[in-house]
Amino acid sequence: MKTGSNKFIFEKEKEWEPAGEGVVRQIMGYDGQLMLVKVKFIKGAQGTPHSHYHTQTTYVASGKFQFTVDGETSFVETGDGIYIAPDAEHSCICLEAGILIDCFSPMRADFIGK
């Protein structure tokens, strides 16, 4: 059986899933090798420190964030990107409400069915 999402995923038809206090997400497409996730933060919400074996890239679609990746901290805002190597501990604090677009390889099986 092939793992994968529908070909078209429409925001208005997709429920936002809880992803932490002040954080919700929508899974916007995936197969076994790749996953795209939209993550919405309210001001002050935090992505708690964590790591995973997936390679991750994040695009700041809107807002301002303080990111810490593998011990290095930087401020990012709309239009910026972040690369997170496998197993690197990372976290963020939302300084201005916004949306992050996360891409994972391979896909995050732990996000499916939640």
PDB file of N, CA and C in Angstrom:
ATOM      1  N   MET A   1       0.839  -1.182   0.000  1.00  0.00           N
ATOM      2  CA  MET A   1       0.000   0.000   0.000  1.00  0.00           C
ATOM      3  C   MET A   1       0.888   1.251   0.000  1.00  0.00           C
ATOM      4  N   LYS A   2       0.596   2.203  -0.862  1.00  0.00           N
ATOM      5  CA  LYS A   2       1.366   3.433  -0.982  1.00  0.00           C
ATOM      6  C   LYS A   2       0.913   4.446   0.064  1.00  0.00           C
ATOM      7  N   THR A   3       1.892   5.081   0.703  1.00  0.00           N
ATOM      8  CA  THR A   3       1.594   6.152   1.654  1.00  0.00           C
ATOM      9  C   THR A   3       1.582   7.464   0.907  1.00  0.00           C
ATOM     10  N   GLY A   4       0.514   8.234   1.065  1.00  0.00           N
ATOM     11  CA  GLY A   4       0.480   9.531   0.404  1.00  0.00           C
ATOM     12  C   GLY A   4      -0.822  10.263   0.633  1.00  0.00           C
ATOM     13  N   SER A   5      -0.773  11.555   0.418  1.00  0.00           N
ATOM     14  CA  SER A   5      -1.947  12.407   0.600  1.00  0.00           C
ATOM     15  C   SER A   5      -2.742  12.484  -0.700  1.00  0.00           C
ATOM     16  N   ASN A   6      -3.852  13.180  -0.633  1.00  0.00           N
ATOM     17  CA  ASN A   6      -4.603  13.499  -1.835  1.00  0.00           C
ATOM     18  C   ASN A   6      -3.739  14.386  -2.729  1.00  0.00           C
ATOM     19  N   LYS A   7      -4.058  14.451  -4.001  1.00  0.00           N
ATOM     20  CA  LYS A   7      -3.302  15.288  -4.934  1.00  0.00           C
ATOM     21  C   LYS A   7      -3.502  16.771  -4.650  1.00  0.00           C
ATOM     22  N   PHE A   8      -4.702  17.146  -4.268  1.00  0.00           N
ATOM     23  CA  PHE A   8      -5.021  18.549  -3.991  1.00  0.00           C
ATOM     24  C   PHE A   8      -5.515  18.648  -2.554  1.00  0.00           C
ATOM     25  N   ILE A   9      -4.946  19.587  -1.815  1.00  0.00           N
ATOM     26  CA  ILE A   9      -5.330  19.808  -0.418  1.00  0.00           C
ATOM     27  C   ILE A   9      -5.741  21.270  -0.322  1.00  0.00           C
ATOM     28  N   PHE A  10      -6.996  21.515   0.037  1.00  0.00           N
ATOM     29  CA  PHE A  10      -7.542  22.866   0.087  1.00  0.00           C
ATOM     30  C   PHE A  10      -7.635  23.326   1.537  1.00  0.00           C
ATOM     31  N   GLU A  11      -7.028  24.475   1.823  1.00  0.00           N
ATOM     32  CA  GLU A  11      -6.993  24.988   3.187  1.00  0.00           C
ATOM     33  C   GLU A  11      -8.387  25.045   3.813  1.00  0.00           C
ATOM     34  N   LYS A  12      -9.365  25.537   3.077  1.00  0.00           N
ATOM     35  CA  LYS A  12     -10.710  25.714   3.638  1.00  0.00           C
ATOM     36  C   LYS A  12     -11.388  24.379   3.959  1.00  0.00           C
ATOM     37  N   GLU A  13     -10.885  23.280   3.394  1.00  0.00           N
ATOM     38  CA  GLU A  13     -11.467  21.961   3.661  1.00  0.00           C
ATOM     39  C   GLU A  13     -10.649  21.161   4.671  1.00  0.00           C
ATOM     40  N   LYS A  14      -9.522  21.720   5.105  1.00  0.00           N
ATOM     41  CA  LYS A  14      -8.592  21.008   5.979  1.00  0.00           C
ATOM     42  C   LYS A  14      -8.670  21.583   7.387  1.00  0.00           C
ATOM     43  N   GLU A  15      -8.886  20.704   8.371  1.00  0.00           N
ATOM     44  CA  GLU A  15      -8.942  21.140   9.771  1.00  0.00           C
ATOM     45  C   GLU A  15      -7.553  21.501  10.264  1.00  0.00           C
ATOM     46  N   TRP A  16      -7.481  22.490  11.143  1.00  0.00           N
ATOM     47  CA  TRP A  16      -6.233  22.803  11.841  1.00  0.00           C
ATOM     48  C   TRP A  16      -6.115  21.844  13.014  1.00  0.00           C
ATOM     49  N   GLU A  17      -4.951  21.220  13.177  1.00  0.00           N
ATOM     50  CA  GLU A  17      -4.705  20.272  14.266  1.00  0.00           C
ATOM     51  C   GLU A  17      -3.890  20.954  15.355  1.00  0.00           C
ATOM     52  N   PRO A  18      -4.190  20.687  16.627  1.00  0.00           N
ATOM     53  CA  PRO A  18      -3.361  21.248  17.696  1.00  0.00           C
ATOM     54  C   PRO A  18      -1.927  20.736  17.597  1.00  0.00           C
ATOM     55  N   ALA A  19      -0.964  21.632  17.854  1.00  0.00           N
ATOM     56  CA  ALA A  19       0.449  21.253  17.764  1.00  0.00           C
ATOM     57  C   ALA A  19       1.241  21.897  18.903  1.00  0.00           C
ATOM     58  N   GLY A  20       0.564  22.184  20.010  1.00  0.00           N
ATOM     59  CA  GLY A  20       1.181  22.852  21.151  1.00  0.00           C
ATOM     60  C   GLY A  20       0.349  24.051  21.539  1.00  0.00           C
ATOM     61  N   GLU A  21       0.663  24.636  22.676  1.00  0.00           N
ATOM     62  CA  GLU A  21      -0.100  25.787  23.149  1.00  0.00           C
ATOM     63  C   GLU A  21       0.117  26.979  22.224  1.00  0.00           C
ATOM     64  N   GLY A  22      -0.987  27.455  21.622  1.00  0.00           N
ATOM     65  CA  GLY A  22      -0.910  28.584  20.703  1.00  0.00           C
ATOM     66  C   GLY A  22      -0.393  28.234  19.319  1.00  0.00           C
ATOM     67  N   VAL A  23      -0.353  26.925  19.014  1.00  0.00           N
ATOM     68  CA  VAL A  23       0.192  26.459  17.733  1.00  0.00           C
ATOM     69  C   VAL A  23      -0.762  25.429  17.123  1.00  0.00           C
ATOM     70  N   VAL A  24      -1.071  25.604  15.845  1.00  0.00           N
ATOM     71  CA  VAL A  24      -1.885  24.630  15.103  1.00  0.00           C
ATOM     72  C   VAL A  24      -1.212  24.360  13.767  1.00  0.00           C
ATOM     73  N   ARG A  25      -1.540  23.223  13.152  1.00  0.00           N
ATOM     74  CA  ARG A  25      -0.909  22.879  11.874  1.00  0.00           C
ATOM     75  C   ARG A  25      -1.914  22.243  10.917  1.00  0.00           C
ATOM     76  N   GLN A  26      -1.561  22.338   9.644  1.00  0.00           N
ATOM     77  CA  GLN A  26      -2.272  21.652   8.568  1.00  0.00           C
ATOM     78  C   GLN A  26      -1.235  20.895   7.751  1.00  0.00           C
ATOM     79  N   ILE A  27      -1.483  19.623   7.520  1.00  0.00           N
ATOM     80  CA  ILE A  27      -0.606  18.835   6.653  1.00  0.00           C
ATOM     81  C   ILE A  27      -1.078  19.074   5.226  1.00  0.00           C
ATOM     82  N   MET A  28      -0.182  19.621   4.397  1.00  0.00           N
ATOM     83  CA  MET A  28      -0.564  20.087   3.072  1.00  0.00           C
ATOM     84  C   MET A  28      -0.100  19.189   1.930  1.00  0.00           C
ATOM     85  N   GLY A  29       0.420  18.025   2.259  1.00  0.00           N
ATOM     86  CA  GLY A  29       0.803  17.069   1.225  1.00  0.00           C
ATOM     87  C   GLY A  29       1.976  16.229   1.680  1.00  0.00           C
ATOM     88  N   TYR A  30       1.946  14.952   1.280  1.00  0.00           N
ATOM     89  CA  TYR A  30       3.046  14.062   1.672  1.00  0.00           C
ATOM     90  C   TYR A  30       3.019  12.769   0.887  1.00  0.00           C
ATOM     91  N   ASP A  31       4.194  12.132   0.858  1.00  0.00           N
ATOM     92  CA  ASP A  31       4.330  10.727   0.492  1.00  0.00           C
ATOM     93  C   ASP A  31       5.389  10.171   1.427  1.00  0.00           C
ATOM     94  N   GLY A  32       5.910   9.018   1.166  1.00  0.00           N
ATOM     95  CA  GLY A  32       6.871   8.416   2.077  1.00  0.00           C
ATOM     96  C   GLY A  32       8.185   9.170   2.198  1.00  0.00           C
ATOM     97  N   GLN A  33       8.496   9.989   1.201  1.00  0.00           N
ATOM     98  CA  GLN A  33       9.784  10.687   1.167  1.00  0.00           C
ATOM     99  C   GLN A  33       9.732  12.148   1.583  1.00  0.00           C
ATOM    100  N   LEU A  34       8.549  12.754   1.580  1.00  0.00           N
ATOM    101  CA  LEU A  34       8.455  14.204   1.733  1.00  0.00           C
ATOM    102  C   LEU A  34       7.143  14.592   2.394  1.00  0.00           C
ATOM    103  N   MET A  35       7.161  15.667   3.199  1.00  0.00           N
ATOM    104  CA  MET A  35       5.931  16.172   3.806  1.00  0.00           C
ATOM    105  C   MET A  35       6.014  17.690   3.898  1.00  0.00           C
ATOM    106  N   LEU A  36       4.909  18.361   3.558  1.00  0.00           N
ATOM    107  CA  LEU A  36       4.781  19.808   3.671  1.00  0.00           C
ATOM    108  C   LEU A  36       3.724  20.111   4.725  1.00  0.00           C
ATOM    109  N   VAL A  37       4.090  20.953   5.703  1.00  0.00           N
ATOM    110  CA  VAL A  37       3.199  21.258   6.824  1.00  0.00           C
ATOM    111  C   VAL A  37       3.148  22.763   7.039  1.00  0.00           C
ATOM    112  N   LYS A  38       1.943  23.307   7.153  1.00  0.00           N
ATOM    113  CA  LYS A  38       1.749  24.720   7.474  1.00  0.00           C
ATOM    114  C   LYS A  38       1.495  24.811   8.977  1.00  0.00           C
ATOM    115  N   VAL A  39       2.243  25.691   9.667  1.00  0.00           N
ATOM    116  CA  VAL A  39       2.148  25.799  11.119  1.00  0.00           C
ATOM    117  C   VAL A  39       1.857  27.252  11.484  1.00  0.00           C
ATOM    118  N   LYS A  40       0.740  27.474  12.208  1.00  0.00           N
ATOM    119  CA  LYS A  40       0.326  28.821  12.589  1.00  0.00           C
ATOM    120  C   LYS A  40       0.593  29.041  14.076  1.00  0.00           C
ATOM    121  N   PHE A  41       1.257  30.160  14.404  1.00  0.00           N
ATOM    122  CA  PHE A  41       1.606  30.517  15.775  1.00  0.00           C
ATOM    123  C   PHE A  41       0.923  31.820  16.175  1.00  0.00           C
ATOM    124  N   ILE A  42       0.446  31.877  17.416  1.00  0.00           N
ATOM    125  CA  ILE A  42       0.038  33.155  17.969  1.00  0.00           C
ATOM    126  C   ILE A  42       1.265  33.772  18.632  1.00  0.00           C
ATOM    127  N   LYS A  43       1.250  35.098  18.816  1.00  0.00           N
ATOM    128  CA  LYS A  43       2.377  35.782  19.445  1.00  0.00           C
ATOM    129  C   LYS A  43       2.657  35.172  20.816  1.00  0.00           C
ATOM    130  N   GLY A  44       3.909  34.880  21.091  1.00  0.00           N
ATOM    131  CA  GLY A  44       4.326  34.312  22.367  1.00  0.00           C
ATOM    132  C   GLY A  44       4.356  32.796  22.404  1.00  0.00           C
ATOM    133  N   ALA A  45       3.744  32.145  21.416  1.00  0.00           N
ATOM    134  CA  ALA A  45       3.746  30.670  21.380  1.00  0.00           C
ATOM    135  C   ALA A  45       5.166  30.174  21.126  1.00  0.00           C
ATOM    136  N   GLN A  46       5.438  28.977  21.616  1.00  0.00           N
ATOM    137  CA  GLN A  46       6.782  28.429  21.479  1.00  0.00           C
ATOM    138  C   GLN A  46       6.756  27.041  20.852  1.00  0.00           C
ATOM    139  N   GLY A  47       7.729  26.799  20.035  1.00  0.00           N
ATOM    140  CA  GLY A  47       8.024  25.452  19.572  1.00  0.00           C
ATOM    141  C   GLY A  47       9.078  24.917  20.537  1.00  0.00           C
ATOM    142  N   THR A  48       8.688  24.006  21.414  1.00  0.00           N
ATOM    143  CA  THR A  48       9.588  23.531  22.466  1.00  0.00           C
ATOM    144  C   THR A  48      10.806  22.817  21.875  1.00  0.00           C
ATOM    145  N   PRO A  49      11.944  22.863  22.573  1.00  0.00           N
ATOM    146  CA  PRO A  49      13.148  22.211  22.055  1.00  0.00           C
ATOM    147  C   PRO A  49      12.905  20.721  21.782  1.00  0.00           C
ATOM    148  N   HIS A  50      13.294  20.285  20.596  1.00  0.00           N
ATOM    149  CA  HIS A  50      13.136  18.882  20.215  1.00  0.00           C
ATOM    150  C   HIS A  50      14.087  18.573  19.067  1.00  0.00           C
ATOM    151  N   SER A  51      14.216  17.310  18.771  1.00  0.00           N
ATOM    152  CA  SER A  51      14.992  16.875  17.614  1.00  0.00           C
ATOM    153  C   SER A  51      14.306  15.664  17.011  1.00  0.00           C
ATOM    154  N   HIS A  52      14.632  15.366  15.773  1.00  0.00           N
ATOM    155  CA  HIS A  52      14.097  14.203  15.064  1.00  0.00           C
ATOM    156  C   HIS A  52      15.073  13.849  13.951  1.00  0.00           C
ATOM    157  N   TYR A  53      14.959  12.651  13.448  1.00  0.00           N
ATOM    158  CA  TYR A  53      15.903  12.183  12.430  1.00  0.00           C
ATOM    159  C   TYR A  53      15.622  12.745  11.038  1.00  0.00           C
ATOM    160  N   HIS A  54      14.532  13.453  10.877  1.00  0.00           N
ATOM    161  CA  HIS A  54      14.166  14.010   9.576  1.00  0.00           C
ATOM    162  C   HIS A  54      14.994  15.253   9.264  1.00  0.00           C
ATOM    163  N   THR A  55      15.331  15.445   8.006  1.00  0.00           N
ATOM    164  CA  THR A  55      15.843  16.727   7.545  1.00  0.00           C
ATOM    165  C   THR A  55      14.649  17.665   7.455  1.00  0.00           C
ATOM    166  N   GLN A  56      14.828  18.910   7.881  1.00  0.00           N
ATOM    167  CA  GLN A  56      13.731  19.880   7.863  1.00  0.00           C
ATOM    168  C   GLN A  56      14.213  21.193   7.282  1.00  0.00           C
ATOM    169  N   THR A  57      13.396  21.794   6.431  1.00  0.00           N
ATOM    170  CA  THR A  57      13.583  23.179   6.024  1.00  0.00           C
ATOM    171  C   THR A  57      12.303  23.916   6.372  1.00  0.00           C
ATOM    172  N   THR A  58      12.432  25.157   6.770  1.00  0.00           N
ATOM    173  CA  THR A  58      11.284  25.954   7.177  1.00  0.00           C
ATOM    174  C   THR A  58      11.340  27.294   6.460  1.00  0.00           C
ATOM    175  N   TYR A  59      10.197  27.702   5.913  1.00  0.00           N
ATOM    176  CA  TYR A  59      10.039  29.001   5.266  1.00  0.00           C
ATOM    177  C   TYR A  59       9.104  29.843   6.117  1.00  0.00           C
ATOM    178  N   VAL A  60       9.507  31.080   6.411  1.00  0.00           N
ATOM    179  CA  VAL A  60       8.666  31.987   7.199  1.00  0.00           C
ATOM    180  C   VAL A  60       7.709  32.692   6.234  1.00  0.00           C
ATOM    181  N   ALA A  61       6.457  32.227   6.204  1.00  0.00           N
ATOM    182  CA  ALA A  61       5.451  32.804   5.315  1.00  0.00           C
ATOM    183  C   ALA A  61       4.959  34.145   5.847  1.00  0.00           C
ATOM    184  N   SER A  62       4.914  34.281   7.182  1.00  0.00           N
ATOM    185  CA  SER A  62       4.528  35.549   7.811  1.00  0.00           C
ATOM    186  C   SER A  62       4.984  35.528   9.265  1.00  0.00           C
ATOM    187  N   GLY A  63       5.098  36.715   9.850  1.00  0.00           N
ATOM    188  CA  GLY A  63       5.453  36.828  11.258  1.00  0.00           C
ATOM    189  C   GLY A  63       6.947  36.989  11.490  1.00  0.00           C
ATOM    190  N   LYS A  64       7.289  36.988  12.796  1.00  0.00           N
ATOM    191  CA  LYS A  64       8.689  37.084  13.221  1.00  0.00           C
ATOM    192  C   LYS A  64       8.920  36.050  14.308  1.00  0.00           C
ATOM    193  N   PHE A  65      10.087  35.401  14.258  1.00  0.00           N
ATOM    194  CA  PHE A  65      10.403  34.309  15.173  1.00  0.00           C
ATOM    195  C   PHE A  65      11.858  34.394  15.625  1.00  0.00           C
ATOM    196  N   GLN A  66      12.102  33.898  16.825  1.00  0.00           N
ATOM    197  CA  GLN A  66      13.464  33.655  17.289  1.00  0.00           C
ATOM    198  C   GLN A  66      13.665  32.152  17.229  1.00  0.00           C
ATOM    199  N   PHE A  67      14.610  31.709  16.413  1.00  0.00           N
ATOM    200  CA  PHE A  67      14.895  30.280  16.253  1.00  0.00           C
ATOM    201  C   PHE A  67      16.237  29.946  16.887  1.00  0.00           C
ATOM    202  N   THR A  68      16.293  28.798  17.534  1.00  0.00           N
ATOM    203  CA  THR A  68      17.566  28.246  17.984  1.00  0.00           C
ATOM    204  C   THR A  68      17.708  26.885  17.321  1.00  0.00           C
ATOM    205  N   VAL A  69      18.817  26.708  16.596  1.00  0.00           N
ATOM    206  CA  VAL A  69      19.093  25.455  15.889  1.00  0.00           C
ATOM    207  C   VAL A  69      20.500  25.015  16.264  1.00  0.00           C
ATOM    208  N   ASP A  70      20.578  23.861  16.895  1.00  0.00           N
ATOM    209  CA  ASP A  70      21.876  23.280  17.248  1.00  0.00           C
ATOM    210  C   ASP A  70      22.752  24.285  18.017  1.00  0.00           C
ATOM    211  N   GLY A  71      22.108  24.995  18.965  1.00  0.00           N
ATOM    212  CA  GLY A  71      22.825  25.933  19.824  1.00  0.00           C
ATOM    213  C   GLY A  71      23.025  27.326  19.266  1.00  0.00           C
ATOM    214  N   GLU A  72      22.652  27.567  18.010  1.00  0.00           N
ATOM    215  CA  GLU A  72      22.802  28.890  17.398  1.00  0.00           C
ATOM    216  C   GLU A  72      21.446  29.572  17.301  1.00  0.00           C
ATOM    217  N   THR A  73      21.351  30.822  17.760  1.00  0.00           N
ATOM    218  CA  THR A  73      20.088  31.559  17.775  1.00  0.00           C
ATOM    219  C   THR A  73      20.122  32.691  16.763  1.00  0.00           C
ATOM    220  N   SER A  74      18.986  32.873  16.057  1.00  0.00           N
ATOM    221  CA  SER A  74      18.854  33.957  15.096  1.00  0.00           C
ATOM    222  C   SER A  74      17.385  34.387  15.022  1.00  0.00           C
ATOM    223  N   PHE A  75      17.174  35.608  14.558  1.00  0.00           N
ATOM    224  CA  PHE A  75      15.831  36.126  14.358  1.00  0.00           C
ATOM    225  C   PHE A  75      15.497  36.029  12.876  1.00  0.00           C
ATOM    226  N   VAL A  76      14.290  35.542  12.584  1.00  0.00           N
ATOM    227  CA  VAL A  76      13.854  35.393  11.197  1.00  0.00           C
ATOM    228  C   VAL A  76      12.470  36.025  11.052  1.00  0.00           C
ATOM    229  N   GLU A  77      12.170  36.444   9.826  1.00  0.00           N
ATOM    230  CA  GLU A  77      10.879  37.069   9.548  1.00  0.00           C
ATOM    231  C   GLU A  77      10.425  36.680   8.155  1.00  0.00           C
ATOM    232  N   THR A  78       9.282  37.211   7.760  1.00  0.00           N
ATOM    233  CA  THR A  78       8.673  36.893   6.468  1.00  0.00           C
ATOM    234  C   THR A  78       9.711  36.849   5.346  1.00  0.00           C
ATOM    235  N   GLY A  79       9.717  35.735   4.625  1.00  0.00           N
ATOM    236  CA  GLY A  79      10.605  35.556   3.486  1.00  0.00           C
ATOM    237  C   GLY A  79      11.891  34.814   3.800  1.00  0.00           C
ATOM    238  N   ASP A  80      12.202  34.637   5.085  1.00  0.00           N
ATOM    239  CA  ASP A  80      13.435  33.950   5.479  1.00  0.00           C
ATOM    240  C   ASP A  80      13.239  32.443   5.547  1.00  0.00           C
ATOM    241  N   GLY A  81      14.349  31.723   5.593  1.00  0.00           N
ATOM    242  CA  GLY A  81      14.308  30.266   5.677  1.00  0.00           C
ATOM    243  C   GLY A  81      15.277  29.743   6.720  1.00  0.00           C
ATOM    244  N   ILE A  82      15.025  28.520   7.159  1.00  0.00           N
ATOM    245  CA  ILE A  82      15.851  27.842   8.152  1.00  0.00           C
ATOM    246  C   ILE A  82      16.108  26.428   7.657  1.00  0.00           C
ATOM    247  N   TYR A  83      17.356  25.960   7.783  1.00  0.00           N
ATOM    248  CA  TYR A  83      17.691  24.572   7.492  1.00  0.00           C
ATOM    249  C   TYR A  83      18.003  23.889   8.820  1.00  0.00           C
ATOM    250  N   ILE A  84      17.407  22.726   9.053  1.00  0.00           N
ATOM    251  CA  ILE A  84      17.612  21.968  10.289  1.00  0.00           C
ATOM    252  C   ILE A  84      18.068  20.565   9.906  1.00  0.00           C
ATOM    253  N   ALA A  85      19.321  20.275  10.222  1.00  0.00           N
ATOM    254  CA  ALA A  85      19.906  18.973   9.896  1.00  0.00           C
ATOM    255  C   ALA A  85      19.275  17.872  10.758  1.00  0.00           C
ATOM    256  N   PRO A  86      19.322  16.636  10.300  1.00  0.00           N
ATOM    257  CA  PRO A  86      18.797  15.532  11.101  1.00  0.00           C
ATOM    258  C   PRO A  86      19.430  15.525  12.502  1.00  0.00           C
ATOM    259  N   ASP A  87      18.603  15.267  13.500  1.00  0.00           N
ATOM    260  CA  ASP A  87      18.994  15.143  14.909  1.00  0.00           C
ATOM    261  C   ASP A  87      19.457  16.441  15.560  1.00  0.00           C
ATOM    262  N   ALA A  88      19.383  17.581  14.883  1.00  0.00           N
ATOM    263  CA  ALA A  88      19.753  18.865  15.494  1.00  0.00           C
ATOM    264  C   ALA A  88      18.614  19.334  16.396  1.00  0.00           C
ATOM    265  N   GLU A  89      18.942  19.652  17.644  1.00  0.00           N
ATOM    266  CA  GLU A  89      17.901  20.194  18.531  1.00  0.00           C
ATOM    267  C   GLU A  89      17.524  21.590  18.046  1.00  0.00           C
ATOM    268  N   HIS A  90      16.229  21.879  18.029  1.00  0.00           N
ATOM    269  CA  HIS A  90      15.749  23.170  17.567  1.00  0.00           C
ATOM    270  C   HIS A  90      14.485  23.579  18.305  1.00  0.00           C
ATOM    271  N   SER A  91      14.259  24.895  18.339  1.00  0.00           N
ATOM    272  CA  SER A  91      13.080  25.458  19.002  1.00  0.00           C
ATOM    273  C   SER A  91      12.843  26.848  18.431  1.00  0.00           C
ATOM    274  N   CYS A  92      11.677  27.417  18.749  1.00  0.00           N
ATOM    275  CA  CYS A  92      11.409  28.782  18.318  1.00  0.00           C
ATOM    276  C   CYS A  92      10.458  29.459  19.286  1.00  0.00           C
ATOM    277  N   ILE A  93      10.498  30.778  19.250  1.00  0.00           N
ATOM    278  CA  ILE A  93       9.556  31.622  19.987  1.00  0.00           C
ATOM    279  C   ILE A  93       8.949  32.561  18.959  1.00  0.00           C
ATOM    280  N   CYS A  94       7.623  32.650  18.960  1.00  0.00           N
ATOM    281  CA  CYS A  94       6.934  33.525  18.015  1.00  0.00           C
ATOM    282  C   CYS A  94       6.886  34.944  18.591  1.00  0.00           C
ATOM    283  N   LEU A  95       7.520  35.877  17.915  1.00  0.00           N
ATOM    284  CA  LEU A  95       7.582  37.268  18.365  1.00  0.00           C
ATOM    285  C   LEU A  95       6.463  38.115  17.766  1.00  0.00           C
ATOM    286  N   GLU A  96       5.981  37.705  16.609  1.00  0.00           N
ATOM    287  CA  GLU A  96       4.865  38.363  15.928  1.00  0.00           C
ATOM    288  C   GLU A  96       4.086  37.256  15.232  1.00  0.00           C
ATOM    289  N   ALA A  97       2.779  37.143  15.526  1.00  0.00           N
ATOM    290  CA  ALA A  97       1.966  36.042  15.003  1.00  0.00           C
ATOM    291  C   ALA A  97       2.293  35.765  13.547  1.00  0.00           C
ATOM    292  N   GLY A  98       2.367  34.481  13.208  1.00  0.00           N
ATOM    293  CA  GLY A  98       2.735  34.160  11.847  1.00  0.00           C
ATOM    294  C   GLY A  98       2.569  32.704  11.483  1.00  0.00           C
ATOM    295  N   ILE A  99       2.991  32.399  10.275  1.00  0.00           N
ATOM    296  CA  ILE A  99       2.864  31.053   9.711  1.00  0.00           C
ATOM    297  C   ILE A  99       4.213  30.598   9.190  1.00  0.00           C
ATOM    298  N   LEU A 100       4.579  29.373   9.561  1.00  0.00           N
ATOM    299  CA  LEU A 100       5.774  28.721   9.050  1.00  0.00           C
ATOM    300  C   LEU A 100       5.355  27.603   8.109  1.00  0.00           C
ATOM    301  N   ILE A 101       6.127  27.388   7.064  1.00  0.00           N
ATOM    302  CA  ILE A 101       5.915  26.272   6.149  1.00  0.00           C
ATOM    303  C   ILE A 101       7.093  25.321   6.352  1.00  0.00           C
ATOM    304  N   ASP A 102       6.812  24.153   6.906  1.00  0.00           N
ATOM    305  CA  ASP A 102       7.836  23.147   7.186  1.00  0.00           C
ATOM    306  C   ASP A 102       7.821  22.068   6.115  1.00  0.00           C
ATOM    307  N   CYS A 103       8.996  21.677   5.689  1.00  0.00           N
ATOM    308  CA  CYS A 103       9.151  20.564   4.765  1.00  0.00           C
ATOM    309  C   CYS A 103      10.065  19.536   5.426  1.00  0.00           C
ATOM    310  N   PHE A 104       9.617  18.285   5.474  1.00  0.00           N
ATOM    311  CA  PHE A 104      10.353  17.205   6.120  1.00  0.00           C
ATOM    312  C   PHE A 104      10.682  16.107   5.115  1.00  0.00           C
ATOM    313  N   SER A 105      11.881  15.542   5.267  1.00  0.00           N
ATOM    314  CA  SER A 105      12.257  14.363   4.501  1.00  0.00           C
ATOM    315  C   SER A 105      13.000  13.409   5.426  1.00  0.00           C
ATOM    316  N   PRO A 106      12.553  12.159   5.524  1.00  0.00           N
ATOM    317  CA  PRO A 106      11.304  11.642   4.971  1.00  0.00           C
ATOM    318  C   PRO A 106      10.104  12.235   5.703  1.00  0.00           C
ATOM    319  N   MET A 107       8.926  11.867   5.283  1.00  0.00           N
ATOM    320  CA  MET A 107       7.706  12.392   5.888  1.00  0.00           C
ATOM    321  C   MET A 107       7.646  12.052   7.372  1.00  0.00           C
ATOM    322  N   ARG A 108       6.869  12.843   8.132  1.00  0.00           N
ATOM    323  CA  ARG A 108       6.699  12.640   9.560  1.00  0.00           C
ATOM    324  C   ARG A 108       5.517  11.694   9.788  1.00  0.00           C
ATOM    325  N   ALA A 109       5.781  10.418   9.873  1.00  0.00           N
ATOM    326  CA  ALA A 109       4.712   9.435  10.097  1.00  0.00           C
ATOM    327  C   ALA A 109       3.984   9.715  11.398  1.00  0.00           C
ATOM    328  N   ASP A 110       4.685  10.307  12.389  1.00  0.00           N
ATOM    329  CA  ASP A 110       4.063  10.601  13.668  1.00  0.00           C
ATOM    330  C   ASP A 110       3.001  11.706  13.571  1.00  0.00           C
ATOM    331  N   PHE A 111       2.948  12.441  12.454  1.00  0.00           N
ATOM    332  CA  PHE A 111       1.933  13.475  12.277  1.00  0.00           C
ATOM    333  C   PHE A 111       0.641  12.931  11.677  1.00  0.00           C
ATOM    334  N   ILE A 112       0.685  11.759  11.087  1.00  0.00           N
ATOM    335  CA  ILE A 112      -0.493  11.191  10.408  1.00  0.00           C
ATOM    336  C   ILE A 112      -1.407  10.538  11.429  1.00  0.00           C
ATOM    337  N   GLY A 113      -2.695  10.828  11.295  1.00  0.00           N
ATOM    338  CA  GLY A 113      -3.688  10.206  12.162  1.00  0.00           C
ATOM    339  C   GLY A 113      -3.854  10.880  13.497  1.00  0.00           C
ATOM    340  N   LYS A 114      -3.237  12.049  13.657  1.00  0.00           N
ATOM    341  CA  LYS A 114      -3.410  12.795  14.910  1.00  0.00           C
ATOM    342  C   LYS A 114      -4.476  13.829  14.751  1.00  0.00           C
TER     343      LYS A 114
END
